Amino acid sequence: MKIILLVEDDISLLTVIQIKLERCGFKVVTARSVESAMEKIMKVDGIWLDHNLIGKENGMDFVIKFKAKTKKFKETPVFVVSNTSSQDVQKCYADLGVLNYFVKAEHKLSEIVKQVQTSLS
């Protein structure tokens, strides 16, 4: 069973995404801040990451710390799923090596989950 680290600040959205991922056969580990997410990165197969998180740090800060802490970064798919649609933000994530960026308002949850399934199979 593949393990997804779900990093999302909105508790109700986190719950909905977690349920959807679990119904699709994933084990889900959750976090709402960069600090909490960093404690859980070593045992995951993929990361579902929001840009805006609880605390002073955001998803980009998480990616920078994740890359610095482990060589596993290149092998671990990171799916940024955010309402932040700024081209500058998307470019920064791409420059950091994140290949998957979804603007929440432009995609159905089922579409994103399908992409996660495809990437991790």
PDB file of N, CA and C in Angstrom:
ATOM      1  N   MET A   1       0.845  -1.184   0.000  1.00  0.00           N
ATOM      2  CA  MET A   1       0.000   0.000   0.000  1.00  0.00           C
ATOM      3  C   MET A   1       0.888   1.244   0.000  1.00  0.00           C
ATOM      4  N   LYS A   2       0.630   2.147  -0.927  1.00  0.00           N
ATOM      5  CA  LYS A   2       1.404   3.391  -1.039  1.00  0.00           C
ATOM      6  C   LYS A   2       0.966   4.375   0.039  1.00  0.00           C
ATOM      7  N   ILE A   3       1.947   5.109   0.555  1.00  0.00           N
ATOM      8  CA  ILE A   3       1.692   6.071   1.621  1.00  0.00           C
ATOM      9  C   ILE A   3       1.828   7.486   1.067  1.00  0.00           C
ATOM     10  N   ILE A   4       0.801   8.297   1.307  1.00  0.00           N
ATOM     11  CA  ILE A   4       0.778   9.700   0.881  1.00  0.00           C
ATOM     12  C   ILE A   4       0.848  10.587   2.120  1.00  0.00           C
ATOM     13  N   LEU A   5       1.744  11.561   2.084  1.00  0.00           N
ATOM     14  CA  LEU A   5       1.760  12.600   3.101  1.00  0.00           C
ATOM     15  C   LEU A   5       0.888  13.730   2.577  1.00  0.00           C
ATOM     16  N   LEU A   6      -0.201  13.997   3.262  1.00  0.00           N
ATOM     17  CA  LEU A   6      -1.159  15.037   2.894  1.00  0.00           C
ATOM     18  C   LEU A   6      -0.912  16.248   3.791  1.00  0.00           C
ATOM     19  N   VAL A   7      -0.451  17.351   3.187  1.00  0.00           N
ATOM     20  CA  VAL A   7      -0.124  18.564   3.945  1.00  0.00           C
ATOM     21  C   VAL A   7      -1.096  19.659   3.503  1.00  0.00           C
ATOM     22  N   GLU A   8      -2.043  19.944   4.367  1.00  0.00           N
ATOM     23  CA  GLU A   8      -3.141  20.870   4.049  1.00  0.00           C
ATOM     24  C   GLU A   8      -3.545  21.601   5.320  1.00  0.00           C
ATOM     25  N   ASP A   9      -3.682  22.933   5.261  1.00  0.00           N
ATOM     26  CA  ASP A   9      -4.026  23.704   6.452  1.00  0.00           C
ATOM     27  C   ASP A   9      -5.513  23.680   6.781  1.00  0.00           C
ATOM     28  N   ASP A  10      -6.367  23.585   5.784  1.00  0.00           N
ATOM     29  CA  ASP A  10      -7.815  23.607   5.990  1.00  0.00           C
ATOM     30  C   ASP A  10      -8.283  22.227   6.464  1.00  0.00           C
ATOM     31  N   ILE A  11      -8.730  22.136   7.707  1.00  0.00           N
ATOM     32  CA  ILE A  11      -9.061  20.840   8.320  1.00  0.00           C
ATOM     33  C   ILE A  11     -10.187  20.120   7.599  1.00  0.00           C
ATOM     34  N   SER A  12     -11.214  20.846   7.149  1.00  0.00           N
ATOM     35  CA  SER A  12     -12.308  20.168   6.463  1.00  0.00           C
ATOM     36  C   SER A  12     -11.865  19.658   5.094  1.00  0.00           C
ATOM     37  N   LEU A  13     -11.057  20.429   4.397  1.00  0.00           N
ATOM     38  CA  LEU A  13     -10.527  19.982   3.108  1.00  0.00           C
ATOM     39  C   LEU A  13      -9.563  18.814   3.308  1.00  0.00           C
ATOM     40  N   LEU A  14      -8.743  18.885   4.333  1.00  0.00           N
ATOM     41  CA  LEU A  14      -7.826  17.789   4.651  1.00  0.00           C
ATOM     42  C   LEU A  14      -8.604  16.493   4.857  1.00  0.00           C
ATOM     43  N   THR A  15      -9.704  16.573   5.578  1.00  0.00           N
ATOM     44  CA  THR A  15     -10.522  15.392   5.857  1.00  0.00           C
ATOM     45  C   THR A  15     -11.124  14.815   4.580  1.00  0.00           C
ATOM     46  N   VAL A  16     -11.663  15.670   3.719  1.00  0.00           N
ATOM     47  CA  VAL A  16     -12.273  15.214   2.464  1.00  0.00           C
ATOM     48  C   VAL A  16     -11.227  14.538   1.569  1.00  0.00           C
ATOM     49  N   ILE A  17     -10.052  15.164   1.438  1.00  0.00           N
ATOM     50  CA  ILE A  17      -8.994  14.604   0.599  1.00  0.00           C
ATOM     51  C   ILE A  17      -8.502  13.286   1.183  1.00  0.00           C
ATOM     52  N   GLN A  18      -8.335  13.242   2.499  1.00  0.00           N
ATOM     53  CA  GLN A  18      -7.891  12.011   3.153  1.00  0.00           C
ATOM     54  C   GLN A  18      -8.856  10.860   2.879  1.00  0.00           C
ATOM     55  N   ILE A  19     -10.133  11.109   3.036  1.00  0.00           N
ATOM     56  CA  ILE A  19     -11.149  10.070   2.790  1.00  0.00           C
ATOM     57  C   ILE A  19     -11.081   9.598   1.338  1.00  0.00           C
ATOM     58  N   LYS A  20     -10.983  10.530   0.399  1.00  0.00           N
ATOM     59  CA  LYS A  20     -10.920  10.179  -1.024  1.00  0.00           C
ATOM     60  C   LYS A  20      -9.679   9.324  -1.322  1.00  0.00           C
ATOM     61  N   LEU A  21      -8.535   9.728  -0.793  1.00  0.00           N
ATOM     62  CA  LEU A  21      -7.305   8.968  -1.024  1.00  0.00           C
ATOM     63  C   LEU A  21      -7.383   7.569  -0.406  1.00  0.00           C
ATOM     64  N   GLU A  22      -7.932   7.487   0.803  1.00  0.00           N
ATOM     65  CA  GLU A  22      -8.058   6.189   1.466  1.00  0.00           C
ATOM     66  C   GLU A  22      -9.009   5.269   0.702  1.00  0.00           C
ATOM     67  N   ARG A  23     -10.083   5.817   0.179  1.00  0.00           N
ATOM     68  CA  ARG A  23     -11.016   5.014  -0.624  1.00  0.00           C
ATOM     69  C   ARG A  23     -10.365   4.500  -1.908  1.00  0.00           C
ATOM     70  N   CYS A  24      -9.326   5.200  -2.349  1.00  0.00           N
ATOM     71  CA  CYS A  24      -8.605   4.778  -3.561  1.00  0.00           C
ATOM     72  C   CYS A  24      -7.417   3.871  -3.224  1.00  0.00           C
ATOM     73  N   GLY A  25      -7.320   3.448  -1.972  1.00  0.00           N
ATOM     74  CA  GLY A  25      -6.318   2.459  -1.598  1.00  0.00           C
ATOM     75  C   GLY A  25      -5.017   2.984  -1.025  1.00  0.00           C
ATOM     76  N   PHE A  26      -4.936   4.273  -0.731  1.00  0.00           N
ATOM     77  CA  PHE A  26      -3.722   4.821  -0.144  1.00  0.00           C
ATOM     78  C   PHE A  26      -3.803   4.837   1.380  1.00  0.00           C
ATOM     79  N   LYS A  27      -2.651   4.713   2.011  1.00  0.00           N
ATOM     80  CA  LYS A  27      -2.550   5.012   3.441  1.00  0.00           C
ATOM     81  C   LYS A  27      -2.178   6.494   3.491  1.00  0.00           C
ATOM     82  N   VAL A  28      -2.839   7.266   4.337  1.00  0.00           N
ATOM     83  CA  VAL A  28      -2.631   8.712   4.366  1.00  0.00           C
ATOM     84  C   VAL A  28      -2.109   9.143   5.737  1.00  0.00           C
ATOM     85  N   VAL A  29      -1.028   9.903   5.698  1.00  0.00           N
ATOM     86  CA  VAL A  29      -0.453  10.527   6.880  1.00  0.00           C
ATOM     87  C   VAL A  29      -0.686  12.019   6.694  1.00  0.00           C
ATOM     88  N   THR A  30      -1.180  12.711   7.728  1.00  0.00           N
ATOM     89  CA  THR A  30      -1.539  14.117   7.554  1.00  0.00           C
ATOM     90  C   THR A  30      -0.667  15.061   8.375  1.00  0.00           C
ATOM     91  N   ALA A  31      -0.577  16.298   7.873  1.00  0.00           N
ATOM     92  CA  ALA A  31       0.109  17.386   8.568  1.00  0.00           C
ATOM     93  C   ALA A  31      -0.538  18.683   8.126  1.00  0.00           C
ATOM     94  N   ARG A  32      -0.444  19.683   8.989  1.00  0.00           N
ATOM     95  CA  ARG A  32      -1.030  20.985   8.648  1.00  0.00           C
ATOM     96  C   ARG A  32       0.008  22.103   8.640  1.00  0.00           C
ATOM     97  N   SER A  33       1.256  21.766   8.976  1.00  0.00           N
ATOM     98  CA  SER A  33       2.334  22.760   9.005  1.00  0.00           C
ATOM     99  C   SER A  33       3.608  22.140   8.437  1.00  0.00           C
ATOM    100  N   VAL A  34       4.560  22.992   8.105  1.00  0.00           N
ATOM    101  CA  VAL A  34       5.843  22.499   7.597  1.00  0.00           C
ATOM    102  C   VAL A  34       6.534  21.661   8.656  1.00  0.00           C
ATOM    103  N   GLU A  35       6.547  22.156   9.893  1.00  0.00           N
ATOM    104  CA  GLU A  35       7.214  21.438  10.981  1.00  0.00           C
ATOM    105  C   GLU A  35       6.657  20.023  11.152  1.00  0.00           C
ATOM    106  N   SER A  36       5.359  19.904  11.183  1.00  0.00           N
ATOM    107  CA  SER A  36       4.717  18.594  11.331  1.00  0.00           C
ATOM    108  C   SER A  36       5.014  17.709  10.120  1.00  0.00           C
ATOM    109  N   ALA A  37       4.970  18.283   8.923  1.00  0.00           N
ATOM    110  CA  ALA A  37       5.235  17.507   7.703  1.00  0.00           C
ATOM    111  C   ALA A  37       6.667  16.991   7.674  1.00  0.00           C
ATOM    112  N   MET A  38       7.619  17.793   8.127  1.00  0.00           N
ATOM    113  CA  MET A  38       9.021  17.377   8.108  1.00  0.00           C
ATOM    114  C   MET A  38       9.265  16.172   9.009  1.00  0.00           C
ATOM    115  N   GLU A  39       8.463  16.034  10.038  1.00  0.00           N
ATOM    116  CA  GLU A  39       8.599  14.884  10.945  1.00  0.00           C
ATOM    117  C   GLU A  39       8.116  13.590  10.307  1.00  0.00           C
ATOM    118  N   LYS A  40       7.398  13.684   9.189  1.00  0.00           N
ATOM    119  CA  LYS A  40       6.731  12.512   8.617  1.00  0.00           C
ATOM    120  C   LYS A  40       7.193  12.154   7.207  1.00  0.00           C
ATOM    121  N   ILE A  41       8.226  12.785   6.682  1.00  0.00           N
ATOM    122  CA  ILE A  41       8.573  12.596   5.272  1.00  0.00           C
ATOM    123  C   ILE A  41       9.324  11.313   4.946  1.00  0.00           C
ATOM    124  N   MET A  42       9.934  10.673   5.882  1.00  0.00           N
ATOM    125  CA  MET A  42      10.833   9.571   5.553  1.00  0.00           C
ATOM    126  C   MET A  42      10.131   8.299   5.096  1.00  0.00           C
ATOM    127  N   LYS A  43       8.898   8.125   5.400  1.00  0.00           N
ATOM    128  CA  LYS A  43       8.216   6.868   5.085  1.00  0.00           C
ATOM    129  C   LYS A  43       7.089   7.031   4.071  1.00  0.00           C
ATOM    130  N   VAL A  44       7.198   8.019   3.188  1.00  0.00           N
ATOM    131  CA  VAL A  44       6.099   8.260   2.246  1.00  0.00           C
ATOM    132  C   VAL A  44       6.522   7.992   0.803  1.00  0.00           C
ATOM    133  N   ASP A  45       5.523   7.651  -0.013  1.00  0.00           N
ATOM    134  CA  ASP A  45       5.759   7.398  -1.434  1.00  0.00           C
ATOM    135  C   ASP A  45       5.432   8.615  -2.289  1.00  0.00           C
ATOM    136  N   GLY A  46       4.620   9.520  -1.756  1.00  0.00           N
ATOM    137  CA  GLY A  46       4.237  10.734  -2.474  1.00  0.00           C
ATOM    138  C   GLY A  46       3.739  11.782  -1.490  1.00  0.00           C
ATOM    139  N   ILE A  47       3.726  13.041  -1.953  1.00  0.00           N
ATOM    140  CA  ILE A  47       3.313  14.148  -1.084  1.00  0.00           C
ATOM    141  C   ILE A  47       2.273  15.000  -1.800  1.00  0.00           C
ATOM    142  N   TRP A  48       1.133  15.218  -1.134  1.00  0.00           N
ATOM    143  CA  TRP A  48       0.065  16.115  -1.588  1.00  0.00           C
ATOM    144  C   TRP A  48       0.239  17.370  -0.743  1.00  0.00           C
ATOM    145  N   LEU A  49       0.571  18.495  -1.359  1.00  0.00           N
ATOM    146  CA  LEU A  49       1.007  19.674  -0.627  1.00  0.00           C
ATOM    147  C   LEU A  49       0.224  20.919  -1.026  1.00  0.00           C
ATOM    148  N   ASP A  50      -0.321  21.603  -0.040  1.00  0.00           N
ATOM    149  CA  ASP A  50      -0.939  22.912  -0.267  1.00  0.00           C
ATOM    150  C   ASP A  50       0.156  23.969  -0.139  1.00  0.00           C
ATOM    151  N   HIS A  51      -0.011  25.099  -0.803  1.00  0.00           N
ATOM    152  CA  HIS A  51       0.970  26.182  -0.685  1.00  0.00           C
ATOM    153  C   HIS A  51       0.822  26.900   0.656  1.00  0.00           C
ATOM    154  N   ASN A  52      -0.415  27.220   1.038  1.00  0.00           N
ATOM    155  CA  ASN A  52      -0.666  27.928   2.289  1.00  0.00           C
ATOM    156  C   ASN A  52      -0.842  26.920   3.415  1.00  0.00           C
ATOM    157  N   LEU A  53      -0.054  27.094   4.476  1.00  0.00           N
ATOM    158  CA  LEU A  53      -0.088  26.166   5.606  1.00  0.00           C
ATOM    159  C   LEU A  53      -0.174  26.933   6.911  1.00  0.00           C
ATOM    160  N   ILE A  54      -0.410  26.206   7.990  1.00  0.00           N
ATOM    161  CA  ILE A  54      -0.444  26.816   9.317  1.00  0.00           C
ATOM    162  C   ILE A  54       0.975  27.228   9.705  1.00  0.00           C
ATOM    163  N   GLY A  55       1.108  28.370  10.330  1.00  0.00           N
ATOM    164  CA  GLY A  55       2.416  28.855  10.756  1.00  0.00           C
ATOM    165  C   GLY A  55       2.982  29.851   9.756  1.00  0.00           C
ATOM    166  N   LYS A  56       4.232  30.211   9.957  1.00  0.00           N
ATOM    167  CA  LYS A  56       4.873  31.228   9.128  1.00  0.00           C
ATOM    168  C   LYS A  56       5.399  30.667   7.815  1.00  0.00           C
ATOM    169  N   GLU A  57       5.571  29.351   7.732  1.00  0.00           N
ATOM    170  CA  GLU A  57       6.146  28.742   6.539  1.00  0.00           C
ATOM    171  C   GLU A  57       5.053  28.221   5.613  1.00  0.00           C
ATOM    172  N   ASN A  58       5.374  28.181   4.314  1.00  0.00           N
ATOM    173  CA  ASN A  58       4.415  27.696   3.336  1.00  0.00           C
ATOM    174  C   ASN A  58       4.955  26.445   2.631  1.00  0.00           C
ATOM    175  N   GLY A  59       4.223  25.991   1.640  1.00  0.00           N
ATOM    176  CA  GLY A  59       4.608  24.779   0.924  1.00  0.00           C
ATOM    177  C   GLY A  59       5.977  24.875   0.269  1.00  0.00           C
ATOM    178  N   MET A  60       6.322  26.057  -0.211  1.00  0.00           N
ATOM    179  CA  MET A  60       7.634  26.235  -0.830  1.00  0.00           C
ATOM    180  C   MET A  60       8.750  26.033   0.195  1.00  0.00           C
ATOM    181  N   ASP A  61       8.531  26.539   1.408  1.00  0.00           N
ATOM    182  CA  ASP A  61       9.500  26.321   2.480  1.00  0.00           C
ATOM    183  C   ASP A  61       9.663  24.824   2.762  1.00  0.00           C
ATOM    184  N   PHE A  62       8.543  24.109   2.729  1.00  0.00           N
ATOM    185  CA  PHE A  62       8.592  22.659   2.937  1.00  0.00           C
ATOM    186  C   PHE A  62       9.436  21.982   1.859  1.00  0.00           C
ATOM    187  N   VAL A  63       9.205  22.340   0.595  1.00  0.00           N
ATOM    188  CA  VAL A  63       9.952  21.723  -0.513  1.00  0.00           C
ATOM    189  C   VAL A  63      11.448  21.988  -0.346  1.00  0.00           C
ATOM    190  N   ILE A  64      11.817  23.213   0.007  1.00  0.00           N
ATOM    191  CA  ILE A  64      13.236  23.558   0.197  1.00  0.00           C
ATOM    192  C   ILE A  64      13.838  22.712   1.318  1.00  0.00           C
ATOM    193  N   LYS A  65      13.136  22.589   2.433  1.00  0.00           N
ATOM    194  CA  LYS A  65      13.645  21.790   3.563  1.00  0.00           C
ATOM    195  C   LYS A  65      13.698  20.309   3.215  1.00  0.00           C
ATOM    196  N   PHE A  66      12.670  19.821   2.517  1.00  0.00           N
ATOM    197  CA  PHE A  66      12.614  18.415   2.116  1.00  0.00           C
ATOM    198  C   PHE A  66      13.792  18.088   1.205  1.00  0.00           C
ATOM    199  N   LYS A  67      14.063  18.954   0.229  1.00  0.00           N
ATOM    200  CA  LYS A  67      15.178  18.739  -0.693  1.00  0.00           C
ATOM    201  C   LYS A  67      16.508  18.730   0.058  1.00  0.00           C
ATOM    202  N   ALA A  68      16.643  19.622   1.035  1.00  0.00           N
ATOM    203  CA  ALA A  68      17.897  19.725   1.782  1.00  0.00           C
ATOM    204  C   ALA A  68      18.106  18.538   2.715  1.00  0.00           C
ATOM    205  N   LYS A  69      17.019  17.970   3.221  1.00  0.00           N
ATOM    206  CA  LYS A  69      17.123  16.917   4.227  1.00  0.00           C
ATOM    207  C   LYS A  69      17.356  15.532   3.624  1.00  0.00           C
ATOM    208  N   THR A  70      16.855  15.287   2.451  1.00  0.00           N
ATOM    209  CA  THR A  70      16.922  13.927   1.924  1.00  0.00           C
ATOM    210  C   THR A  70      17.196  13.885   0.430  1.00  0.00           C
ATOM    211  N   LYS A  71      17.944  12.903   0.007  1.00  0.00           N
ATOM    212  CA  LYS A  71      18.181  12.689  -1.423  1.00  0.00           C
ATOM    213  C   LYS A  71      16.969  12.035  -2.066  1.00  0.00           C
ATOM    214  N   LYS A  72      16.031  11.578  -1.241  1.00  0.00           N
ATOM    215  CA  LYS A  72      14.823  10.911  -1.722  1.00  0.00           C
ATOM    216  C   LYS A  72      13.906  11.871  -2.484  1.00  0.00           C
ATOM    217  N   PHE A  73      14.163  13.185  -2.391  1.00  0.00           N
ATOM    218  CA  PHE A  73      13.289  14.183  -3.017  1.00  0.00           C
ATOM    219  C   PHE A  73      13.048  13.903  -4.496  1.00  0.00           C
ATOM    220  N   LYS A  74      14.118  13.608  -5.240  1.00  0.00           N
ATOM    221  CA  LYS A  74      13.979  13.394  -6.683  1.00  0.00           C
ATOM    222  C   LYS A  74      13.111  12.191  -7.003  1.00  0.00           C
ATOM    223  N   GLU A  75      13.030  11.245  -6.083  1.00  0.00           N
ATOM    224  CA  GLU A  75      12.255  10.022  -6.303  1.00  0.00           C
ATOM    225  C   GLU A  75      10.828  10.131  -5.773  1.00  0.00           C
ATOM    226  N   THR A  76      10.541  11.143  -4.995  1.00  0.00           N
ATOM    227  CA  THR A  76       9.240  11.284  -4.349  1.00  0.00           C
ATOM    228  C   THR A  76       8.389  12.308  -5.088  1.00  0.00           C
ATOM    229  N   PRO A  77       7.305  11.866  -5.731  1.00  0.00           N
ATOM    230  CA  PRO A  77       6.447  12.827  -6.415  1.00  0.00           C
ATOM    231  C   PRO A  77       5.780  13.782  -5.421  1.00  0.00           C
ATOM    232  N   VAL A  78       5.850  15.062  -5.735  1.00  0.00           N
ATOM    233  CA  VAL A  78       5.199  16.086  -4.924  1.00  0.00           C
ATOM    234  C   VAL A  78       4.101  16.703  -5.784  1.00  0.00           C
ATOM    235  N   PHE A  79       2.882  16.661  -5.278  1.00  0.00           N
ATOM    236  CA  PHE A  79       1.718  17.216  -5.967  1.00  0.00           C
ATOM    237  C   PHE A  79       1.293  18.461  -5.210  1.00  0.00           C
ATOM    238  N   VAL A  80       1.608  19.642  -5.743  1.00  0.00           N
ATOM    239  CA  VAL A  80       1.171  20.876  -5.109  1.00  0.00           C
ATOM    240  C   VAL A  80      -0.253  21.118  -5.582  1.00  0.00           C
ATOM    241  N   VAL A  81      -1.160  21.225  -4.629  1.00  0.00           N
ATOM    242  CA  VAL A  81      -2.579  21.430  -4.920  1.00  0.00           C
ATOM    243  C   VAL A  81      -3.001  22.652  -4.104  1.00  0.00           C
ATOM    244  N   SER A  82      -3.213  23.768  -4.793  1.00  0.00           N
ATOM    245  CA  SER A  82      -3.411  25.022  -4.075  1.00  0.00           C
ATOM    246  C   SER A  82      -4.361  25.939  -4.832  1.00  0.00           C
ATOM    247  N   ASN A  83      -4.937  26.887  -4.136  1.00  0.00           N
ATOM    248  CA  ASN A  83      -5.735  27.921  -4.780  1.00  0.00           C
ATOM    249  C   ASN A  83      -4.855  29.078  -5.254  1.00  0.00           C
ATOM    250  N   THR A  84      -3.573  29.018  -4.923  1.00  0.00           N
ATOM    251  CA  THR A  84      -2.640  30.047  -5.367  1.00  0.00           C
ATOM    252  C   THR A  84      -2.334  29.805  -6.836  1.00  0.00           C
ATOM    253  N   SER A  85      -2.848  30.662  -7.692  1.00  0.00           N
ATOM    254  CA  SER A  85      -2.704  30.442  -9.129  1.00  0.00           C
ATOM    255  C   SER A  85      -1.651  31.347  -9.770  1.00  0.00           C
ATOM    256  N   SER A  86      -0.888  32.048  -8.962  1.00  0.00           N
ATOM    257  CA  SER A  86       0.140  32.955  -9.465  1.00  0.00           C
ATOM    258  C   SER A  86       1.173  32.199 -10.309  1.00  0.00           C
ATOM    259  N   GLN A  87       1.450  32.742 -11.491  1.00  0.00           N
ATOM    260  CA  GLN A  87       2.458  32.138 -12.367  1.00  0.00           C
ATOM    261  C   GLN A  87       3.836  32.162 -11.704  1.00  0.00           C
ATOM    262  N   ASP A  88       4.117  33.209 -10.933  1.00  0.00           N
ATOM    263  CA  ASP A  88       5.407  33.304 -10.243  1.00  0.00           C
ATOM    264  C   ASP A  88       5.572  32.179  -9.220  1.00  0.00           C
ATOM    265  N   VAL A  89       4.513  31.916  -8.467  1.00  0.00           N
ATOM    266  CA  VAL A  89       4.561  30.831  -7.478  1.00  0.00           C
ATOM    267  C   VAL A  89       4.738  29.490  -8.182  1.00  0.00           C
ATOM    268  N   GLN A  90       3.990  29.270  -9.239  1.00  0.00           N
ATOM    269  CA  GLN A  90       4.109  28.012  -9.983  1.00  0.00           C
ATOM    270  C   GLN A  90       5.514  27.852 -10.552  1.00  0.00           C
ATOM    271  N   LYS A  91       6.102  28.932 -11.059  1.00  0.00           N
ATOM    272  CA  LYS A  91       7.453  28.872 -11.604  1.00  0.00           C
ATOM    273  C   LYS A  91       8.460  28.546 -10.505  1.00  0.00           C
ATOM    274  N   CYS A  92       8.291  29.129  -9.335  1.00  0.00           N
ATOM    275  CA  CYS A  92       9.205  28.847  -8.215  1.00  0.00           C
ATOM    276  C   CYS A  92       9.166  27.364  -7.847  1.00  0.00           C
ATOM    277  N   TYR A  93       7.964  26.790  -7.798  1.00  0.00           N
ATOM    278  CA  TYR A  93       7.861  25.350  -7.515  1.00  0.00           C
ATOM    279  C   TYR A  93       8.544  24.541  -8.616  1.00  0.00           C
ATOM    280  N   ALA A  94       8.326  24.915  -9.862  1.00  0.00           N
ATOM    281  CA  ALA A  94       8.962  24.208 -10.984  1.00  0.00           C
ATOM    282  C   ALA A  94      10.482  24.317 -10.884  1.00  0.00           C
ATOM    283  N   ASP A  95      10.975  25.502 -10.537  1.00  0.00           N
ATOM    284  CA  ASP A  95      12.419  25.699 -10.380  1.00  0.00           C
ATOM    285  C   ASP A  95      12.992  24.844  -9.247  1.00  0.00           C
ATOM    286  N   LEU A  96      12.154  24.530  -8.261  1.00  0.00           N
ATOM    287  CA  LEU A  96      12.578  23.673  -7.152  1.00  0.00           C
ATOM    288  C   LEU A  96      12.489  22.188  -7.495  1.00  0.00           C
ATOM    289  N   GLY A  97      11.944  21.878  -8.672  1.00  0.00           N
ATOM    290  CA  GLY A  97      11.878  20.485  -9.097  1.00  0.00           C
ATOM    291  C   GLY A  97      10.526  19.822  -8.939  1.00  0.00           C
ATOM    292  N   VAL A  98       9.502  20.588  -8.551  1.00  0.00           N
ATOM    293  CA  VAL A  98       8.159  20.031  -8.422  1.00  0.00           C
ATOM    294  C   VAL A  98       7.511  20.024  -9.804  1.00  0.00           C
ATOM    295  N   LEU A  99       7.101  18.859 -10.264  1.00  0.00           N
ATOM    296  CA  LEU A  99       6.551  18.733 -11.614  1.00  0.00           C
ATOM    297  C   LEU A  99       5.038  18.877 -11.670  1.00  0.00           C
ATOM    298  N   ASN A 100       4.371  18.661 -10.553  1.00  0.00           N
ATOM    299  CA  ASN A 100       2.906  18.646 -10.530  1.00  0.00           C
ATOM    300  C   ASN A 100       2.364  19.816  -9.719  1.00  0.00           C
ATOM    301  N   TYR A 101       1.651  20.732 -10.377  1.00  0.00           N
ATOM    302  CA  TYR A 101       1.024  21.863  -9.693  1.00  0.00           C
ATOM    303  C   TYR A 101      -0.408  21.960 -10.197  1.00  0.00           C
ATOM    304  N   PHE A 102      -1.350  21.831  -9.285  1.00  0.00           N
ATOM    305  CA  PHE A 102      -2.767  21.902  -9.629  1.00  0.00           C
ATOM    306  C   PHE A 102      -3.406  23.079  -8.906  1.00  0.00           C
ATOM    307  N   VAL A 103      -4.120  23.924  -9.642  1.00  0.00           N
ATOM    308  CA  VAL A 103      -4.921  24.978  -9.024  1.00  0.00           C
ATOM    309  C   VAL A 103      -6.257  24.328  -8.678  1.00  0.00           C
ATOM    310  N   LYS A 104      -6.612  24.324  -7.397  1.00  0.00           N
ATOM    311  CA  LYS A 104      -7.810  23.618  -6.916  1.00  0.00           C
ATOM    312  C   LYS A 104      -9.060  23.972  -7.712  1.00  0.00           C
ATOM    313  N   ALA A 105      -9.238  25.238  -8.001  1.00  0.00           N
ATOM    314  CA  ALA A 105     -10.463  25.682  -8.671  1.00  0.00           C
ATOM    315  C   ALA A 105     -10.557  25.188 -10.116  1.00  0.00           C
ATOM    316  N   GLU A 106      -9.447  24.743 -10.680  1.00  0.00           N
ATOM    317  CA  GLU A 106      -9.424  24.327 -12.083  1.00  0.00           C
ATOM    318  C   GLU A 106      -9.514  22.817 -12.272  1.00  0.00           C
ATOM    319  N   HIS A 107      -9.496  22.062 -11.183  1.00  0.00           N
ATOM    320  CA  HIS A 107      -9.494  20.594 -11.286  1.00  0.00           C
ATOM    321  C   HIS A 107     -10.446  19.985 -10.272  1.00  0.00           C
ATOM    322  N   LYS A 108     -11.086  18.914 -10.661  1.00  0.00           N
ATOM    323  CA  LYS A 108     -11.896  18.141  -9.727  1.00  0.00           C
ATOM    324  C   LYS A 108     -10.965  17.299  -8.866  1.00  0.00           C
ATOM    325  N   LEU A 109     -11.393  17.051  -7.652  1.00  0.00           N
ATOM    326  CA  LEU A 109     -10.609  16.218  -6.736  1.00  0.00           C
ATOM    327  C   LEU A 109     -10.305  14.862  -7.364  1.00  0.00           C
ATOM    328  N   SER A 110     -11.294  14.277  -8.028  1.00  0.00           N
ATOM    329  CA  SER A 110     -11.099  12.960  -8.643  1.00  0.00           C
ATOM    330  C   SER A 110     -10.020  12.986  -9.728  1.00  0.00           C
ATOM    331  N   GLU A 111      -9.896  14.092 -10.462  1.00  0.00           N
ATOM    332  CA  GLU A 111      -8.852  14.213 -11.491  1.00  0.00           C
ATOM    333  C   GLU A 111      -7.464  14.200 -10.859  1.00  0.00           C
ATOM    334  N   ILE A 112      -7.319  14.935  -9.776  1.00  0.00           N
ATOM    335  CA  ILE A 112      -6.014  15.023  -9.112  1.00  0.00           C
ATOM    336  C   ILE A 112      -5.654  13.668  -8.499  1.00  0.00           C
ATOM    337  N   VAL A 113      -6.622  13.032  -7.871  1.00  0.00           N
ATOM    338  CA  VAL A 113      -6.378  11.714  -7.273  1.00  0.00           C
ATOM    339  C   VAL A 113      -5.970  10.716  -8.355  1.00  0.00           C
ATOM    340  N   LYS A 114      -6.603  10.784  -9.493  1.00  0.00           N
ATOM    341  CA  LYS A 114      -6.257   9.880 -10.610  1.00  0.00           C
ATOM    342  C   LYS A 114      -4.798  10.109 -11.044  1.00  0.00           C
ATOM    343  N   GLN A 115      -4.376  11.356 -11.098  1.00  0.00           N
ATOM    344  CA  GLN A 115      -2.994  11.670 -11.459  1.00  0.00           C
ATOM    345  C   GLN A 115      -2.022  11.123 -10.406  1.00  0.00           C
ATOM    346  N   VAL A 116      -2.403  11.230  -9.147  1.00  0.00           N
ATOM    347  CA  VAL A 116      -1.573  10.691  -8.068  1.00  0.00           C
ATOM    348  C   VAL A 116      -1.465   9.172  -8.229  1.00  0.00           C
ATOM    349  N   GLN A 117      -2.587   8.519  -8.470  1.00  0.00           N
ATOM    350  CA  GLN A 117      -2.586   7.068  -8.668  1.00  0.00           C
ATOM    351  C   GLN A 117      -1.665   6.671  -9.823  1.00  0.00           C
ATOM    352  N   THR A 118      -1.790   7.366 -10.930  1.00  0.00           N
ATOM    353  CA  THR A 118      -0.977   7.065 -12.112  1.00  0.00           C
ATOM    354  C   THR A 118       0.502   7.246 -11.809  1.00  0.00           C
ATOM    355  N   SER A 119       0.847   8.315 -11.149  1.00  0.00           N
ATOM    356  CA  SER A 119       2.254   8.609 -10.850  1.00  0.00           C
ATOM    357  C   SER A 119       2.866   7.609  -9.870  1.00  0.00           C
ATOM    358  N   LEU A 120       2.060   7.077  -8.989  1.00  0.00           N
ATOM    359  CA  LEU A 120       2.588   6.171  -7.965  1.00  0.00           C
ATOM    360  C   LEU A 120       2.422   4.693  -8.287  1.00  0.00           C
ATOM    361  N   SER A 121       1.848   4.372  -9.451  1.00  0.00           N
ATOM    362  CA  SER A 121       1.663   2.954  -9.763  1.00  0.00           C
ATOM    363  C   SER A 121       2.858   2.385 -10.498  1.00  0.00           C
TER     364      SER A 121
END
